[in-house]
C-alpha atoms as a PDB file:
ATOM      1  CA  MET A   1      -0.627  35.414   6.453  1.00  0.00           C
ATOM      2  CA  GLU A   2      -1.328  34.450   2.860  1.00  0.00           C
ATOM      3  CA  TYR A   3      -2.321  31.096   1.655  1.00  0.00           C
ATOM      4  CA  VAL A   4       0.556  29.083   0.135  1.00  0.00           C
ATOM      5  CA  ASN A   5      -0.248  26.187  -2.300  1.00  0.00           C
ATOM      6  CA  LEU A   6       1.992  23.423  -0.698  1.00  0.00           C
ATOM      7  CA  PRO A   7       1.422  20.812  -3.392  1.00  0.00           C
ATOM      8  CA  LEU A   8       2.607  23.392  -5.973  1.00  0.00           C
ATOM      9  CA  VAL A   9       5.534  24.357  -3.958  1.00  0.00           C
ATOM     10  CA  PHE A  10       6.469  20.565  -3.490  1.00  0.00           C
ATOM     11  CA  LEU A  11       6.162  19.959  -7.348  1.00  0.00           C
ATOM     12  CA  VAL A  12       8.331  23.159  -8.097  1.00  0.00           C
ATOM     13  CA  GLY A  13      10.937  21.975  -5.677  1.00  0.00           C
ATOM     14  CA  CYS A  14      10.915  18.417  -7.255  1.00  0.00           C
ATOM     15  CA  ALA A  15      11.368  20.077 -10.673  1.00  0.00           C
ATOM     16  CA  LEU A  16      14.257  22.110  -9.436  1.00  0.00           C
ATOM     17  CA  ILE A  17      15.923  19.144  -8.126  1.00  0.00           C
ATOM     18  CA  ALA A  18      15.374  17.308 -11.333  1.00  0.00           C
ATOM     19  CA  LEU A  19      16.932  20.187 -13.242  1.00  0.00           C
ATOM     20  CA  LEU A  20      20.021  19.982 -10.860  1.00  0.00           C
ATOM     21  CA  ALA A  21      20.041  16.142 -11.661  1.00  0.00           C
ATOM     22  CA  LYS A  22      20.020  16.875 -15.474  1.00  0.00           C
ATOM     23  CA  LYS A  23      22.982  19.370 -15.134  1.00  0.00           C
ATOM     24  CA  ASN A  24      24.867  16.288 -13.435  1.00  0.00           C
ATOM     25  CA  ASP A  25      24.015  14.059 -16.470  1.00  0.00           C
ATOM     26  CA  TYR A  26      21.110  12.245 -14.989  1.00  0.00           C
ATOM     27  CA  SER A  27      17.794  11.622 -16.572  1.00  0.00           C
ATOM     28  CA  TRP A  28      15.798  14.509 -15.314  1.00  0.00           C
ATOM     29  CA  TYR A  29      12.302  13.133 -15.886  1.00  0.00           C
ATOM     30  CA  LEU A  30      13.038   9.736 -14.202  1.00  0.00           C
ATOM     31  CA  PHE A  31      14.511  11.877 -11.319  1.00  0.00           C
ATOM     32  CA  PHE A  32      11.394  13.896 -11.038  1.00  0.00           C
ATOM     33  CA  PHE A  33       9.020  11.086 -11.143  1.00  0.00           C
ATOM     34  CA  ALA A  34      11.194   9.100  -8.641  1.00  0.00           C
ATOM     35  CA  ILE A  35      11.017  12.082  -6.291  1.00  0.00           C
ATOM     36  CA  ALA A  36       7.332  13.193  -6.622  1.00  0.00           C
ATOM     37  CA  VAL A  37       5.396  10.040  -7.220  1.00  0.00           C
ATOM     38  CA  PRO A  38       6.209   7.985  -3.975  1.00  0.00           C
ATOM     39  CA  THR A  39       5.637  10.791  -1.487  1.00  0.00           C
ATOM     40  CA  PRO A  40       1.769  11.178  -1.740  1.00  0.00           C
ATOM     41  CA  LEU A  41       1.366   7.375  -1.661  1.00  0.00           C
ATOM     42  CA  LEU A  42       3.505   7.231   1.477  1.00  0.00           C
ATOM     43  CA  LEU A  43       1.454  10.039   3.021  1.00  0.00           C
ATOM     44  CA  LEU A  44      -1.740   8.085   2.320  1.00  0.00           C
ATOM     45  CA  ALA A  45      -0.187   4.990   3.764  1.00  0.00           C
ATOM     46  CA  LEU A  46       1.203   6.696   6.913  1.00  0.00           C
ATOM     47  CA  PRO A  47      -1.974   6.298   9.150  1.00  0.00           C
ATOM     48  CA  HIS A  48      -1.922   2.438   8.438  1.00  0.00           C
ATOM     49  CA  VAL A  49       1.837   2.266   9.161  1.00  0.00           C
ATOM     50  CA  VAL A  50       2.376   4.356  12.340  1.00  0.00           C
ATOM     51  CA  GLY A  51      -1.267   4.855  13.408  1.00  0.00           C
ATOM     52  CA  VAL A  52      -3.653   7.654  13.179  1.00  0.00           C
ATOM     53  CA  GLU A  53      -2.476   9.594  16.241  1.00  0.00           C
ATOM     54  CA  ALA A  54       1.272   9.623  15.114  1.00  0.00           C
ATOM     55  CA  ALA A  55       0.389  10.239  11.439  1.00  0.00           C
ATOM     56  CA  SER A  56      -1.445  13.410  12.415  1.00  0.00           C
ATOM     57  CA  LEU A  57       1.679  14.930  13.827  1.00  0.00           C
ATOM     58  CA  THR A  58       3.057  17.862  11.832  1.00  0.00           C
ATOM     59  CA  SER A  59       6.660  16.717  12.308  1.00  0.00           C
ATOM     60  CA  VAL A  60       5.825  13.216  11.133  1.00  0.00           C
ATOM     61  CA  ARG A  61       4.029  14.422   8.070  1.00  0.00           C
ATOM     62  CA  LEU A  62       6.687  16.985   7.155  1.00  0.00           C
ATOM     63  CA  GLY A  63       9.439  14.422   7.557  1.00  0.00           C
ATOM     64  CA  THR A  64       7.640  12.032   5.252  1.00  0.00           C
ATOM     65  CA  ALA A  65       6.952  14.758   2.681  1.00  0.00           C
ATOM     66  CA  LEU A  66      10.669  15.713   2.650  1.00  0.00           C
ATOM     67  CA  LEU A  67      12.009  12.299   2.756  1.00  0.00           C
ATOM     68  CA  PHE A  68      12.289  11.634  -1.143  1.00  0.00           C
ATOM     69  CA  PRO A  69      13.120  15.316  -2.027  1.00  0.00           C
ATOM     70  CA  VAL A  70      15.965  15.368   0.381  1.00  0.00           C
ATOM     71  CA  ALA A  71      17.235  11.954  -0.862  1.00  0.00           C
ATOM     72  CA  GLY A  72      16.859  13.272  -4.404  1.00  0.00           C
ATOM     73  CA  LEU A  73      18.744  16.442  -3.753  1.00  0.00           C
ATOM     74  CA  LEU A  74      21.564  14.448  -2.288  1.00  0.00           C
ATOM     75  CA  LEU A  75      21.863  12.075  -5.262  1.00  0.00           C
ATOM     76  CA  SER A  76      21.452  14.915  -7.933  1.00  0.00           C
ATOM     77  CA  LEU A  77      24.499  16.573  -6.322  1.00  0.00           C
ATOM     78  CA  ARG A  78      26.694  13.491  -7.073  1.00  0.00           C
ATOM     79  CA  ARG A  79      28.363  13.448 -10.303  1.00  0.00           C
ATOM     80  CA  LYS A  80      27.634  10.698 -12.788  1.00  0.00           C
ATOM     81  CA  HIS A  81      30.527   8.496 -13.690  1.00  0.00           C
END
């Protein structure tokens, strides 16, 4: 299996969500930074919050990495009033 650059995939996904938010009259750059910036910080803090053993589980790291993009996707689908 070929190597996939996961940080690049994450940033491209965040950019696509930000463009979807722009389509619904949100500020795309604020949306992008609100999705992309907290995730690495949360991943760095994860071993201190839940412990090293739990933080090393793939499901915990994947759920943490997808938390902000999924929330951003749900918010970007809403129309701005």
